Amino acid sequence: MDDHSTQSNAPQEQAEAPPFELGAQVRLKGPLRYLKTADPMPMLRPPDLVDPEELGQVVAIKARQQLAVRFRRGTFLIDVNQLSG
């Protein structure tokens, strides 16, 4: 007698909704150690390129809970937990 269950053991492929939508206005929650550019060949940049009170716009939703955010001095990849709406 087989003991196969009818439930799948595969992880659910239900995508988690991103906390921010494209075009949303966001700002940094606090200072970062560095900024990573959203270029095809990313580079690390100094954190003083973005002022703490500066508003940025979400221009892309990337993998691993990262967003591409356009600020006055460039577009950077930032984790969603480091942003506020």
C-alpha atoms as a PDB file:
ATOM      1  CA  MET A   1       0.000   0.000   0.000  1.00  0.00           C
ATOM      2  CA  ASP A   2       1.386   3.415  -0.957  1.00  0.00           C
ATOM      3  CA  ASP A   3       1.456   6.231   1.565  1.00  0.00           C
ATOM      4  CA  HIS A   4       1.333   9.096  -0.922  1.00  0.00           C
ATOM      5  CA  SER A   5      -0.388  12.166   0.344  1.00  0.00           C
ATOM      6  CA  THR A   6      -2.541  14.291  -1.903  1.00  0.00           C
ATOM      7  CA  GLN A   7      -0.822  17.458  -0.717  1.00  0.00           C
ATOM      8  CA  SER A   8       2.142  18.776  -2.605  1.00  0.00           C
ATOM      9  CA  ASN A   9       5.422  19.276  -0.742  1.00  0.00           C
ATOM     10  CA  ALA A  10       6.522  21.974  -3.194  1.00  0.00           C
ATOM     11  CA  PRO A  11       6.666  25.511  -1.823  1.00  0.00           C
ATOM     12  CA  GLN A  12       3.741  27.683  -2.718  1.00  0.00           C
ATOM     13  CA  GLU A  13       4.430  29.941  -5.669  1.00  0.00           C
ATOM     14  CA  GLN A  14       2.363  32.759  -4.333  1.00  0.00           C
ATOM     15  CA  ALA A  15       4.313  35.952  -4.949  1.00  0.00           C
ATOM     16  CA  GLU A  16       4.472  38.359  -2.051  1.00  0.00           C
ATOM     17  CA  ALA A  17       3.130  41.778  -2.968  1.00  0.00           C
ATOM     18  CA  PRO A  18       5.849  44.457  -2.947  1.00  0.00           C
ATOM     19  CA  PRO A  19       5.410  47.050  -0.200  1.00  0.00           C
ATOM     20  CA  PHE A  20       5.842  49.911  -2.691  1.00  0.00           C
ATOM     21  CA  GLU A  21       4.406  50.260  -6.190  1.00  0.00           C
ATOM     22  CA  LEU A  22       6.140  51.663  -9.256  1.00  0.00           C
ATOM     23  CA  GLY A  23       6.117  55.434  -9.128  1.00  0.00           C
ATOM     24  CA  ALA A  24       5.754  55.563  -5.328  1.00  0.00           C
ATOM     25  CA  GLN A  25       7.545  58.376  -3.506  1.00  0.00           C
ATOM     26  CA  VAL A  26       9.956  57.010  -0.876  1.00  0.00           C
ATOM     27  CA  ARG A  27      12.772  58.222   1.361  1.00  0.00           C
ATOM     28  CA  LEU A  28      15.543  56.541   3.317  1.00  0.00           C
ATOM     29  CA  LYS A  29      14.765  55.519   6.898  1.00  0.00           C
ATOM     30  CA  GLY A  30      18.323  56.222   7.980  1.00  0.00           C
ATOM     31  CA  PRO A  31      21.891  56.584   6.768  1.00  0.00           C
ATOM     32  CA  LEU A  32      23.338  53.796   4.630  1.00  0.00           C
ATOM     33  CA  ARG A  33      26.945  52.594   4.588  1.00  0.00           C
ATOM     34  CA  TYR A  34      27.037  52.799   0.800  1.00  0.00           C
ATOM     35  CA  LEU A  35      24.759  53.071  -2.244  1.00  0.00           C
ATOM     36  CA  LYS A  36      24.683  50.509  -5.063  1.00  0.00           C
ATOM     37  CA  THR A  37      23.899  51.909  -8.498  1.00  0.00           C
ATOM     38  CA  ALA A  38      21.076  50.352 -10.533  1.00  0.00           C
ATOM     39  CA  ASP A  39      23.215  50.257 -13.677  1.00  0.00           C
ATOM     40  CA  PRO A  40      23.718  47.048 -15.717  1.00  0.00           C
ATOM     41  CA  MET A  41      27.208  46.932 -14.120  1.00  0.00           C
ATOM     42  CA  PRO A  42      26.466  48.151 -10.561  1.00  0.00           C
ATOM     43  CA  MET A  43      29.032  50.176  -8.627  1.00  0.00           C
ATOM     44  CA  LEU A  44      29.251  51.130  -4.982  1.00  0.00           C
ATOM     45  CA  ARG A  45      28.946  54.843  -4.332  1.00  0.00           C
ATOM     46  CA  PRO A  46      29.308  56.981  -1.185  1.00  0.00           C
ATOM     47  CA  PRO A  47      26.108  57.418   0.853  1.00  0.00           C
ATOM     48  CA  ASP A  48      26.259  61.226   0.822  1.00  0.00           C
ATOM     49  CA  LEU A  49      24.825  61.307  -2.725  1.00  0.00           C
ATOM     50  CA  VAL A  50      21.323  61.060  -1.202  1.00  0.00           C
ATOM     51  CA  ASP A  51      20.209  63.560   1.432  1.00  0.00           C
ATOM     52  CA  PRO A  52      18.276  62.028   4.367  1.00  0.00           C
ATOM     53  CA  GLU A  53      15.117  64.066   3.663  1.00  0.00           C
ATOM     54  CA  GLU A  54      15.289  63.681  -0.135  1.00  0.00           C
ATOM     55  CA  LEU A  55      12.320  62.005  -1.853  1.00  0.00           C
ATOM     56  CA  GLY A  56      12.980  59.361  -4.485  1.00  0.00           C
ATOM     57  CA  GLN A  57      10.733  57.566  -6.957  1.00  0.00           C
ATOM     58  CA  VAL A  58      10.512  53.776  -7.329  1.00  0.00           C
ATOM     59  CA  VAL A  59      11.370  53.022 -10.967  1.00  0.00           C
ATOM     60  CA  ALA A  60      11.775  49.209 -10.809  1.00  0.00           C
ATOM     61  CA  ILE A  61      11.080  46.277  -8.523  1.00  0.00           C
ATOM     62  CA  LYS A  62      14.068  43.923  -8.395  1.00  0.00           C
ATOM     63  CA  ALA A  63      14.674  40.503  -6.882  1.00  0.00           C
ATOM     64  CA  ARG A  64      15.431  39.868  -3.206  1.00  0.00           C
ATOM     65  CA  GLN A  65      13.244  42.662  -1.861  1.00  0.00           C
ATOM     66  CA  GLN A  66      15.223  45.405  -3.602  1.00  0.00           C
ATOM     67  CA  LEU A  67      13.882  48.439  -5.410  1.00  0.00           C
ATOM     68  CA  ALA A  68      15.526  50.704  -7.945  1.00  0.00           C
ATOM     69  CA  VAL A  69      14.902  54.216  -6.639  1.00  0.00           C
ATOM     70  CA  ARG A  70      15.653  57.373  -8.638  1.00  0.00           C
ATOM     71  CA  PHE A  71      17.014  60.235  -6.564  1.00  0.00           C
ATOM     72  CA  ARG A  72      18.330  63.607  -7.707  1.00  0.00           C
ATOM     73  CA  ARG A  73      21.902  62.309  -8.132  1.00  0.00           C
ATOM     74  CA  GLY A  74      21.235  58.848  -9.536  1.00  0.00           C
ATOM     75  CA  THR A  75      19.255  55.615  -9.400  1.00  0.00           C
ATOM     76  CA  PHE A  76      20.212  53.159  -6.681  1.00  0.00           C
ATOM     77  CA  LEU A  77      19.255  49.640  -5.533  1.00  0.00           C
ATOM     78  CA  ILE A  78      17.895  49.800  -1.990  1.00  0.00           C
ATOM     79  CA  ASP A  79      16.349  47.125   0.241  1.00  0.00           C
ATOM     80  CA  VAL A  80      12.680  47.715   1.008  1.00  0.00           C
ATOM     81  CA  ASN A  81      13.332  47.586   4.771  1.00  0.00           C
ATOM     82  CA  GLN A  82      15.535  50.685   4.429  1.00  0.00           C
ATOM     83  CA  LEU A  83      12.750  52.779   2.841  1.00  0.00           C
ATOM     84  CA  SER A  84       9.663  54.531   4.131  1.00  0.00           C
ATOM     85  CA  GLY A  85       6.708  55.881   2.201  1.00  0.00           C
END
